[in-house]
C-alpha atoms as a PDB file:
ATOM      1  CA  MET A   1      95.752 -26.003 -21.510  1.00  0.00           C
ATOM      2  CA  LYS A   2      92.253 -26.529 -23.896  1.00  0.00           C
ATOM      3  CA  LYS A   3      89.569 -26.767 -21.771  1.00  0.00           C
ATOM      4  CA  LEU A   4      91.047 -23.238 -20.178  1.00  0.00           C
ATOM      5  CA  LEU A   5      90.261 -21.787 -23.457  1.00  0.00           C
ATOM      6  CA  GLY A   6      87.249 -23.141 -23.578  1.00  0.00           C
ATOM      7  CA  SER A   7      85.483 -22.076 -20.310  1.00  0.00           C
ATOM      8  CA  ILE A   8      87.044 -18.464 -21.065  1.00  0.00           C
ATOM      9  CA  ALA A   9      85.480 -18.324 -24.408  1.00  0.00           C
ATOM     10  CA  VAL A  10      81.955 -19.737 -23.139  1.00  0.00           C
ATOM     11  CA  LEU A  11      82.329 -17.621 -20.020  1.00  0.00           C
ATOM     12  CA  ALA A  12      83.164 -14.086 -22.083  1.00  0.00           C
ATOM     13  CA  LEU A  13      80.071 -14.667 -24.143  1.00  0.00           C
ATOM     14  CA  ALA A  14      77.660 -15.547 -21.363  1.00  0.00           C
ATOM     15  CA  MET A  15      78.386 -12.187 -20.385  1.00  0.00           C
ATOM     16  CA  PRO A  16      77.198  -9.977 -22.444  1.00  0.00           C
ATOM     17  CA  LEU A  17      73.974 -12.046 -23.094  1.00  0.00           C
ATOM     18  CA  GLY A  18      72.842 -11.492 -19.621  1.00  0.00           C
ATOM     19  CA  ALA A  19      73.585  -7.581 -19.199  1.00  0.00           C
ATOM     20  CA  GLN A  20      71.257  -7.994 -21.963  1.00  0.00           C
ATOM     21  CA  ALA A  21      68.083  -9.980 -20.333  1.00  0.00           C
ATOM     22  CA  ALA A  22      68.937  -7.666 -17.069  1.00  0.00           C
ATOM     23  CA  ASP A  23      67.909  -4.852 -19.279  1.00  0.00           C
ATOM     24  CA  LEU A  24      65.112  -6.351 -20.832  1.00  0.00           C
ATOM     25  CA  PRO A  25      61.663  -4.904 -18.673  1.00  0.00           C
ATOM     26  CA  ALA A  26      60.128  -7.435 -15.984  1.00  0.00           C
ATOM     27  CA  ALA A  27      57.203  -9.682 -17.428  1.00  0.00           C
ATOM     28  CA  ALA A  28      53.933  -8.094 -16.854  1.00  0.00           C
ATOM     29  CA  PRO A  29      51.956 -10.607 -14.133  1.00  0.00           C
ATOM     30  CA  ALA A  30      49.257 -11.753 -15.658  1.00  0.00           C
ATOM     31  CA  TYR A  31      45.667  -9.811 -15.710  1.00  0.00           C
ATOM     32  CA  LYS A  32      43.073 -11.602 -13.402  1.00  0.00           C
ATOM     33  CA  ALA A  33      39.327 -10.102 -13.151  1.00  0.00           C
ATOM     34  CA  PRO A  34      38.211  -8.155 -10.459  1.00  0.00           C
ATOM     35  CA  VAL A  35      36.104 -10.152  -7.946  1.00  0.00           C
ATOM     36  CA  MET A  36      32.861  -8.336  -7.700  1.00  0.00           C
ATOM     37  CA  ALA A  37      31.333  -8.768  -4.184  1.00  0.00           C
ATOM     38  CA  PRO A  38      27.671 -10.275  -4.296  1.00  0.00           C
ATOM     39  CA  THR A  39      25.228  -7.339  -3.457  1.00  0.00           C
ATOM     40  CA  PRO A  40      23.581  -7.573  -0.465  1.00  0.00           C
ATOM     41  CA  ALA A  41      19.627  -7.459  -2.159  1.00  0.00           C
ATOM     42  CA  TYR A  42      17.052  -6.184   0.381  1.00  0.00           C
ATOM     43  CA  ASN A  43      15.258  -7.896   2.730  1.00  0.00           C
ATOM     44  CA  TRP A  44      11.030  -7.719   2.792  1.00  0.00           C
ATOM     45  CA  THR A  45      10.269 -10.579   5.092  1.00  0.00           C
ATOM     46  CA  GLY A  46       9.019  -9.336   8.508  1.00  0.00           C
ATOM     47  CA  PHE A  47       6.456  -7.352  10.461  1.00  0.00           C
ATOM     48  CA  TYR A  48       5.467  -3.942  10.026  1.00  0.00           C
ATOM     49  CA  LEU A  49       3.243  -1.078  11.478  1.00  0.00           C
ATOM     50  CA  GLY A  50       3.092   2.385  10.462  1.00  0.00           C
ATOM     51  CA  ALA A  51       0.321   5.047   9.487  1.00  0.00           C
ATOM     52  CA  SER A  52      -0.216   7.131   6.484  1.00  0.00           C
ATOM     53  CA  ILE A  53      -2.379   9.997   5.422  1.00  0.00           C
ATOM     54  CA  GLY A  54      -4.690  10.852   2.361  1.00  0.00           C
ATOM     55  CA  GLY A  55      -8.307  11.353   0.918  1.00  0.00           C
ATOM     56  CA  GLU A  56     -11.172   9.855   0.697  1.00  0.00           C
ATOM     57  CA  TRP A  57     -14.021   9.842  -1.725  1.00  0.00           C
ATOM     58  CA  GLU A  58     -17.427   7.917  -1.382  1.00  0.00           C
ATOM     59  CA  LYS A  59     -20.500   7.931  -2.884  1.00  0.00           C
ATOM     60  CA  ILE A  60     -24.200   6.264  -1.593  1.00  0.00           C
ATOM     61  CA  ASP A  61     -27.179   5.754  -3.343  1.00  0.00           C
ATOM     62  CA  GLY A  62     -30.394   4.986  -1.088  1.00  0.00           C
ATOM     63  CA  ASN A  63     -34.580   4.655  -1.820  1.00  0.00           C
ATOM     64  CA  PHE A  64     -37.101   3.939  -0.072  1.00  0.00           C
ATOM     65  CA  THR A  65     -38.915   0.389   0.023  1.00  0.00           C
ATOM     66  CA  ALA A  66     -42.314   2.333  -0.187  1.00  0.00           C
ATOM     67  CA  PHE A  67     -41.882   4.882  -2.390  1.00  0.00           C
ATOM     68  CA  PRO A  68     -40.493   5.159  -6.127  1.00  0.00           C
ATOM     69  CA  GLY A  69     -37.383   6.467  -7.298  1.00  0.00           C
ATOM     70  CA  SER A  70     -33.809   6.626  -5.756  1.00  0.00           C
ATOM     71  CA  TRP A  71     -31.147   9.267  -4.628  1.00  0.00           C
ATOM     72  CA  GLU A  72     -27.417   9.507  -4.411  1.00  0.00           C
ATOM     73  CA  ASN A  73     -25.189  11.332  -1.734  1.00  0.00           C
ATOM     74  CA  SER A  74     -21.005  12.062  -2.656  1.00  0.00           C
ATOM     75  CA  ASN A  75     -18.770  13.110  -0.040  1.00  0.00           C
ATOM     76  CA  SER A  76     -14.953  13.767  -0.201  1.00  0.00           C
ATOM     77  CA  ARG A  77     -12.579  14.384   2.678  1.00  0.00           C
ATOM     78  CA  GLY A  78      -9.145  13.517   4.326  1.00  0.00           C
ATOM     79  CA  MET A  79      -8.388  10.411   5.963  1.00  0.00           C
ATOM     80  CA  TRP A  80      -5.415   8.743   8.025  1.00  0.00           C
ATOM     81  CA  ASP A  81      -4.492   5.641   8.473  1.00  0.00           C
ATOM     82  CA  GLY A  82      -2.920   2.838  11.101  1.00  0.00           C
ATOM     83  CA  HIS A  83      -1.888  -0.202   9.254  1.00  0.00           C
ATOM     84  CA  ILE A  84      -0.341  -3.321  11.328  1.00  0.00           C
ATOM     85  CA  GLY A  85       1.270  -6.318   9.183  1.00  0.00           C
ATOM     86  CA  ALA A  86       3.318  -9.399   8.389  1.00  0.00           C
ATOM     87  CA  GLN A  87       5.184 -10.537   5.649  1.00  0.00           C
ATOM     88  CA  TYR A  88       7.027 -13.339   3.792  1.00  0.00           C
ATOM     89  CA  GLN A  89      10.181 -13.216   0.602  1.00  0.00           C
ATOM     90  CA  TRP A  90      10.354 -15.879  -1.472  1.00  0.00           C
ATOM     91  CA  SER A  91      13.346 -15.461  -4.236  1.00  0.00           C
ATOM     92  CA  SER A  92      10.744 -12.440  -5.279  1.00  0.00           C
ATOM     93  CA  LEU A  93       7.420 -12.710  -4.035  1.00  0.00           C
ATOM     94  CA  VAL A  94       6.579 -11.326  -1.142  1.00  0.00           C
ATOM     95  CA  VAL A  95       3.199 -12.671   0.735  1.00  0.00           C
ATOM     96  CA  GLY A  96       1.652 -11.005   3.449  1.00  0.00           C
ATOM     97  CA  ILE A  97      -1.033  -9.870   5.717  1.00  0.00           C
ATOM     98  CA  GLU A  98      -2.435  -6.397   6.859  1.00  0.00           C
ATOM     99  CA  GLY A  99      -5.217  -4.534   8.661  1.00  0.00           C
ATOM    100  CA  ASP A 100      -5.804  -1.289   9.054  1.00  0.00           C
ATOM    101  CA  TYR A 101      -8.148   1.008  10.533  1.00  0.00           C
ATOM    102  CA  VAL A 102      -9.307   3.868   8.064  1.00  0.00           C
ATOM    103  CA  GLY A 103     -10.328   7.511   9.858  1.00  0.00           C
ATOM    104  CA  LEU A 104     -12.134   9.762   8.459  1.00  0.00           C
ATOM    105  CA  PHE A 105     -12.344  13.637   9.041  1.00  0.00           C
ATOM    106  CA  ASN A 106     -15.335  15.960   8.479  1.00  0.00           C
ATOM    107  CA  HIS A 107     -18.134  14.184   8.513  1.00  0.00           C
ATOM    108  CA  ASN A 108     -20.797  16.126   7.038  1.00  0.00           C
ATOM    109  CA  SER A 109     -22.380  15.527   3.786  1.00  0.00           C
ATOM    110  CA  THR A 110     -24.154  17.856   0.997  1.00  0.00           C
ATOM    111  CA  GLY A 111     -28.479  16.631   0.849  1.00  0.00           C
ATOM    112  CA  VAL A 112     -29.623  16.038  -1.789  1.00  0.00           C
ATOM    113  CA  THR A 113     -32.803  17.657  -2.281  1.00  0.00           C
ATOM    114  CA  CYS A 114     -36.011  15.505  -2.801  1.00  0.00           C
ATOM    115  CA  GLY A 115     -39.187  15.503  -4.085  1.00  0.00           C
ATOM    116  CA  PRO A 116     -42.200  12.835  -4.966  1.00  0.00           C
ATOM    117  CA  PRO A 117     -41.930  10.523  -5.794  1.00  0.00           C
ATOM    118  CA  THR A 118     -38.478   9.607  -4.383  1.00  0.00           C
ATOM    119  CA  CYS A 119     -39.615  11.519  -1.325  1.00  0.00           C
ATOM    120  CA  PHE A 120     -43.224  12.368  -0.209  1.00  0.00           C
ATOM    121  CA  PHE A 121     -43.037  16.148   0.654  1.00  0.00           C
ATOM    122  CA  PRO A 122     -41.423  18.485  -2.517  1.00  0.00           C
ATOM    123  CA  GLY A 123     -38.273  20.190  -0.616  1.00  0.00           C
ATOM    124  CA  SER A 124     -36.782  17.380   1.336  1.00  0.00           C
ATOM    125  CA  THR A 125     -33.794  17.036   1.709  1.00  0.00           C
ATOM    126  CA  VAL A 126     -31.584  13.133   2.012  1.00  0.00           C
ATOM    127  CA  SER A 127     -28.355  13.126   3.251  1.00  0.00           C
ATOM    128  CA  ALA A 128     -25.792   9.997   3.786  1.00  0.00           C
ATOM    129  CA  ASN A 129     -21.773   9.801   4.986  1.00  0.00           C
ATOM    130  CA  LEU A 130     -19.425   7.105   6.142  1.00  0.00           C
ATOM    131  CA  VAL A 131     -19.055   7.700  10.051  1.00  0.00           C
ATOM    132  CA  ASP A 132     -15.937   8.008  10.638  1.00  0.00           C
ATOM    133  CA  HIS A 133     -13.853   4.736   9.769  1.00  0.00           C
ATOM    134  CA  ILE A 134     -13.161   2.088   8.018  1.00  0.00           C
ATOM    135  CA  TRP A 135     -11.511  -1.207   9.209  1.00  0.00           C
ATOM    136  CA  THR A 136     -10.602  -4.120   7.412  1.00  0.00           C
ATOM    137  CA  ILE A 137      -7.931  -6.809   6.701  1.00  0.00           C
ATOM    138  CA  GLY A 138      -7.156  -8.868   3.765  1.00  0.00           C
ATOM    139  CA  GLY A 139      -3.954 -10.167   1.835  1.00  0.00           C
ATOM    140  CA  LYS A 140      -0.878  -8.732  -0.260  1.00  0.00           C
ATOM    141  CA  LEU A 141       1.220 -10.646  -3.512  1.00  0.00           C
ATOM    142  CA  GLY A 142       4.044  -8.427  -4.355  1.00  0.00           C
ATOM    143  CA  TRP A 143       7.198  -8.282  -6.425  1.00  0.00           C
ATOM    144  CA  ALA A 144      10.105  -7.156  -5.069  1.00  0.00           C
ATOM    145  CA  PHE A 145      13.076  -5.317  -7.302  1.00  0.00           C
ATOM    146  CA  GLY A 146      15.630  -3.828  -5.238  1.00  0.00           C
ATOM    147  CA  PRO A 147      14.126  -1.528  -2.858  1.00  0.00           C
ATOM    148  CA  TRP A 148      10.992  -1.169  -4.403  1.00  0.00           C
ATOM    149  CA  MET A 149       8.091  -3.504  -4.165  1.00  0.00           C
ATOM    150  CA  ALA A 150       5.012  -3.182  -5.891  1.00  0.00           C
ATOM    151  CA  TYR A 151       2.182  -5.255  -4.892  1.00  0.00           C
ATOM    152  CA  ALA A 152      -1.868  -5.765  -5.217  1.00  0.00           C
ATOM    153  CA  SER A 153      -3.902  -6.174  -1.794  1.00  0.00           C
ATOM    154  CA  GLY A 154      -8.057  -7.244  -1.303  1.00  0.00           C
ATOM    155  CA  GLY A 155      -9.418  -8.432   1.854  1.00  0.00           C
ATOM    156  CA  TYR A 156     -12.728  -7.955   4.002  1.00  0.00           C
ATOM    157  CA  ALA A 157     -13.552  -4.394   4.844  1.00  0.00           C
ATOM    158  CA  ASN A 158     -16.685  -3.131   7.248  1.00  0.00           C
ATOM    159  CA  THR A 159     -18.017   0.580   7.498  1.00  0.00           C
ATOM    160  CA  LYS A 160     -20.749   2.378   8.774  1.00  0.00           C
ATOM    161  CA  VAL A 161     -23.118   5.146   7.054  1.00  0.00           C
ATOM    162  CA  ASP A 162     -25.172   7.630   8.961  1.00  0.00           C
ATOM    163  CA  GLN A 163     -28.876   8.484   7.086  1.00  0.00           C
ATOM    164  CA  PHE A 164     -30.565  11.350   6.997  1.00  0.00           C
ATOM    165  CA  LEU A 165     -33.773  12.649   5.983  1.00  0.00           C
ATOM    166  CA  PHE A 166     -34.825  16.821   6.294  1.00  0.00           C
ATOM    167  CA  ASN A 167     -37.685  18.447   6.230  1.00  0.00           C
ATOM    168  CA  PRO A 168     -38.079  21.756   3.758  1.00  0.00           C
ATOM    169  CA  ASN A 169     -38.081  23.861   7.040  1.00  0.00           C
ATOM    170  CA  GLY A 170     -34.758  21.872   7.662  1.00  0.00           C
ATOM    171  CA  SER A 171     -35.683  20.257  10.780  1.00  0.00           C
ATOM    172  CA  LEU A 172     -34.915  16.491  11.269  1.00  0.00           C
ATOM    173  CA  ASN A 173     -37.432  14.176  10.454  1.00  0.00           C
ATOM    174  CA  GLU A 174     -35.403  10.637  10.533  1.00  0.00           C
ATOM    175  CA  SER A 175     -32.562   9.343  10.529  1.00  0.00           C
ATOM    176  CA  SER A 176     -30.533   5.982  10.843  1.00  0.00           C
ATOM    177  CA  ARG A 177     -27.047   4.241  11.221  1.00  0.00           C
ATOM    178  CA  THR A 178     -26.450   0.954   9.816  1.00  0.00           C
ATOM    179  CA  SER A 179     -23.648  -1.140   9.724  1.00  0.00           C
ATOM    180  CA  HIS A 180     -22.154  -2.787   6.402  1.00  0.00           C
ATOM    181  CA  ASP A 181     -19.674  -6.023   5.463  1.00  0.00           C
ATOM    182  CA  GLY A 182     -17.775  -5.466   2.350  1.00  0.00           C
ATOM    183  CA  ALA A 183     -14.413  -5.463   0.724  1.00  0.00           C
ATOM    184  CA  TYR A 184     -11.918  -3.660  -0.947  1.00  0.00           C
ATOM    185  CA  VAL A 185      -8.603  -4.246  -4.259  1.00  0.00           C
ATOM    186  CA  GLY A 186      -5.985  -2.141  -4.599  1.00  0.00           C
ATOM    187  CA  GLY A 187      -2.045  -1.783  -4.767  1.00  0.00           C
ATOM    188  CA  GLY A 188       0.849  -0.160  -4.732  1.00  0.00           C
ATOM    189  CA  ILE A 189       4.330   0.387  -4.464  1.00  0.00           C
ATOM    190  CA  ASP A 190       6.612   0.311  -1.598  1.00  0.00           C
ATOM    191  CA  TRP A 191      10.576   1.720  -1.647  1.00  0.00           C
ATOM    192  CA  GLN A 192      12.970   0.941   1.535  1.00  0.00           C
ATOM    193  CA  VAL A 193      14.373   3.983   2.427  1.00  0.00           C
ATOM    194  CA  TRP A 194      16.766   3.116   5.073  1.00  0.00           C
ATOM    195  CA  SER A 195      17.209  -0.499   5.189  1.00  0.00           C
ATOM    196  CA  THR A 196      19.845  -1.979   8.674  1.00  0.00           C
ATOM    197  CA  PRO A 197      20.354  -5.221   9.065  1.00  0.00           C
ATOM    198  CA  GLY A 198      17.264  -4.985  11.688  1.00  0.00           C
ATOM    199  CA  GLY A 199      14.404  -3.177   9.469  1.00  0.00           C
ATOM    200  CA  ALA A 200      13.387  -0.717   7.350  1.00  0.00           C
ATOM    201  CA  LEU A 201      12.266   2.480   6.877  1.00  0.00           C
ATOM    202  CA  VAL A 202       9.422   1.854   4.254  1.00  0.00           C
ATOM    203  CA  ALA A 203       7.648   4.222   2.559  1.00  0.00           C
ATOM    204  CA  GLY A 204       4.616   4.093  -0.287  1.00  0.00           C
ATOM    205  CA  VAL A 205       1.570   5.116  -2.483  1.00  0.00           C
ATOM    206  CA  GLU A 206      -1.370   2.965  -1.976  1.00  0.00           C
ATOM    207  CA  TYR A 207      -4.911   3.258  -3.954  1.00  0.00           C
ATOM    208  CA  ARG A 208      -8.415   1.005  -2.888  1.00  0.00           C
ATOM    209  CA  HIS A 209     -11.685   1.087  -3.708  1.00  0.00           C
ATOM    210  CA  TYR A 210     -13.794  -0.092  -1.586  1.00  0.00           C
ATOM    211  CA  TRP A 211     -17.575  -1.555  -2.279  1.00  0.00           C
ATOM    212  CA  PHE A 212     -20.602  -2.218   0.550  1.00  0.00           C
ATOM    213  CA  GLN A 213     -23.672  -4.876   0.428  1.00  0.00           C
ATOM    214  CA  ASP A 214     -27.010  -2.859   0.343  1.00  0.00           C
ATOM    215  CA  VAL A 215     -28.397  -2.536   4.041  1.00  0.00           C
ATOM    216  CA  THR A 216     -32.514  -1.830   4.901  1.00  0.00           C
ATOM    217  CA  ALA A 217     -33.066  -0.358   7.945  1.00  0.00           C
ATOM    218  CA  THR A 218     -36.339   1.123   9.461  1.00  0.00           C
ATOM    219  CA  ALA A 219     -35.335   4.724  10.546  1.00  0.00           C
ATOM    220  CA  ILE A 220     -36.577   6.219  13.606  1.00  0.00           C
ATOM    221  CA  THR A 221     -37.882   9.479  13.404  1.00  0.00           C
ATOM    222  CA  ALA A 222     -36.689  12.545  15.463  1.00  0.00           C
ATOM    223  CA  GLY A 223     -39.945  11.704  17.754  1.00  0.00           C
ATOM    224  CA  GLY A 224     -38.649   8.233  18.215  1.00  0.00           C
ATOM    225  CA  PHE A 225     -41.203   6.412  16.612  1.00  0.00           C
ATOM    226  CA  THR A 226     -40.449   4.213  13.635  1.00  0.00           C
ATOM    227  CA  GLY A 227     -40.646   6.060  10.210  1.00  0.00           C
ATOM    228  CA  ASP A 228     -39.813   4.759   6.697  1.00  0.00           C
ATOM    229  CA  GLN A 229     -37.716   2.008   5.363  1.00  0.00           C
ATOM    230  CA  TRP A 230     -34.927   2.426   3.008  1.00  0.00           C
ATOM    231  CA  THR A 231     -31.524   0.818   1.701  1.00  0.00           C
ATOM    232  CA  ILE A 232     -28.150   2.402   1.534  1.00  0.00           C
ATOM    233  CA  LYS A 233     -25.793   1.116  -0.783  1.00  0.00           C
ATOM    234  CA  PRO A 234     -22.118   2.602  -0.482  1.00  0.00           C
ATOM    235  CA  HIS A 235     -18.708   2.708  -2.373  1.00  0.00           C
ATOM    236  CA  ALA A 236     -15.547   4.401  -1.782  1.00  0.00           C
ATOM    237  CA  ASP A 237     -12.196   5.394  -2.611  1.00  0.00           C
ATOM    238  CA  THR A 238      -9.164   6.143  -0.788  1.00  0.00           C
ATOM    239  CA  ILE A 239      -5.349   7.387  -2.067  1.00  0.00           C
ATOM    240  CA  GLU A 240      -2.814   7.842   0.651  1.00  0.00           C
ATOM    241  CA  ALA A 241       0.743   8.634   1.553  1.00  0.00           C
ATOM    242  CA  LYS A 242       2.372   5.738   3.656  1.00  0.00           C
ATOM    243  CA  LEU A 243       5.298   5.609   6.174  1.00  0.00           C
ATOM    244  CA  SER A 244       6.206   1.929   8.097  1.00  0.00           C
ATOM    245  CA  TRP A 245       8.829   0.589   9.898  1.00  0.00           C
ATOM    246  CA  LEU A 246       9.659  -3.211   9.044  1.00  0.00           C
ATOM    247  CA  PHE A 247      10.902  -5.736  11.436  1.00  0.00           C
ATOM    248  CA  ASN A 248      13.098  -8.187   9.762  1.00  0.00           C
ATOM    249  CA  TRP A 249      13.263 -11.496  10.832  1.00  0.00           C
ATOM    250  CA  GLY A 250      16.899 -12.519   9.974  1.00  0.00           C
ATOM    251  CA  GLY A 251      19.426 -11.412   8.222  1.00  0.00           C
ATOM    252  CA  PRO A 252      19.216  -9.988   4.549  1.00  0.00           C
ATOM    253  CA  VAL A 253      19.509 -12.293   1.213  1.00  0.00           C
ATOM    254  CA  VAL A 254      22.629 -12.727  -0.553  1.00  0.00           C
ATOM    255  CA  ALA A 255      22.149 -12.128  -3.991  1.00  0.00           C
ATOM    256  CA  ARG A 256      23.943 -14.667  -6.157  1.00  0.00           C
ATOM    257  CA  TYR A 257      25.495 -14.123  -9.971  1.00  0.00           C
END
């Protein structure tokens, strides 16, 4: 009898406590920090080709071998470019090689009027310009940060120069065409406008400075005879807006945290 009464008393005490526990709010789940999905890095490894358009500024220095003095022709005009290249990315470092054909518009150059001692006849005019192209092959060294890449470039370049000497009455006296080996240095920045697993549309801007070797040429007169000797040294600068398609090699690299 005593055991029965004790059990009833314990049960009576437990029922209100259980009810109070049921009224308590459920314990909040433990907080977990959100898992950040890795951000895919832009892939700069691949083969690319494209075209560009911009402006070109040139300066051509010259002098006769037999006469003292010198002259300088300057010209500015539009240019276009077709380029092809390949590059490889290690982490943020990008190394590549590129070949370009730079086409030049408007071949005419303003002549420089000269007289003794530079030119034998007073009122003669000397005119020179790069013919119609510059072609190059060189390397590039870049640093990629997301969809952007800044780079330096440089390498071999070649061009041709037309040189003319006009008489005071405007008739052609003599002329020459010379080929000049040289080099270029420059730099630019590229931006992946639109990226897919297989490739990317890349827009960019690039500046280059070209310098070419001195060449001494023997001019040919208007009648086809041997004329004067003169030395020609060209320089040029270009700035261009570029558009290329990059064909990726492999998938994009995944950024690490």
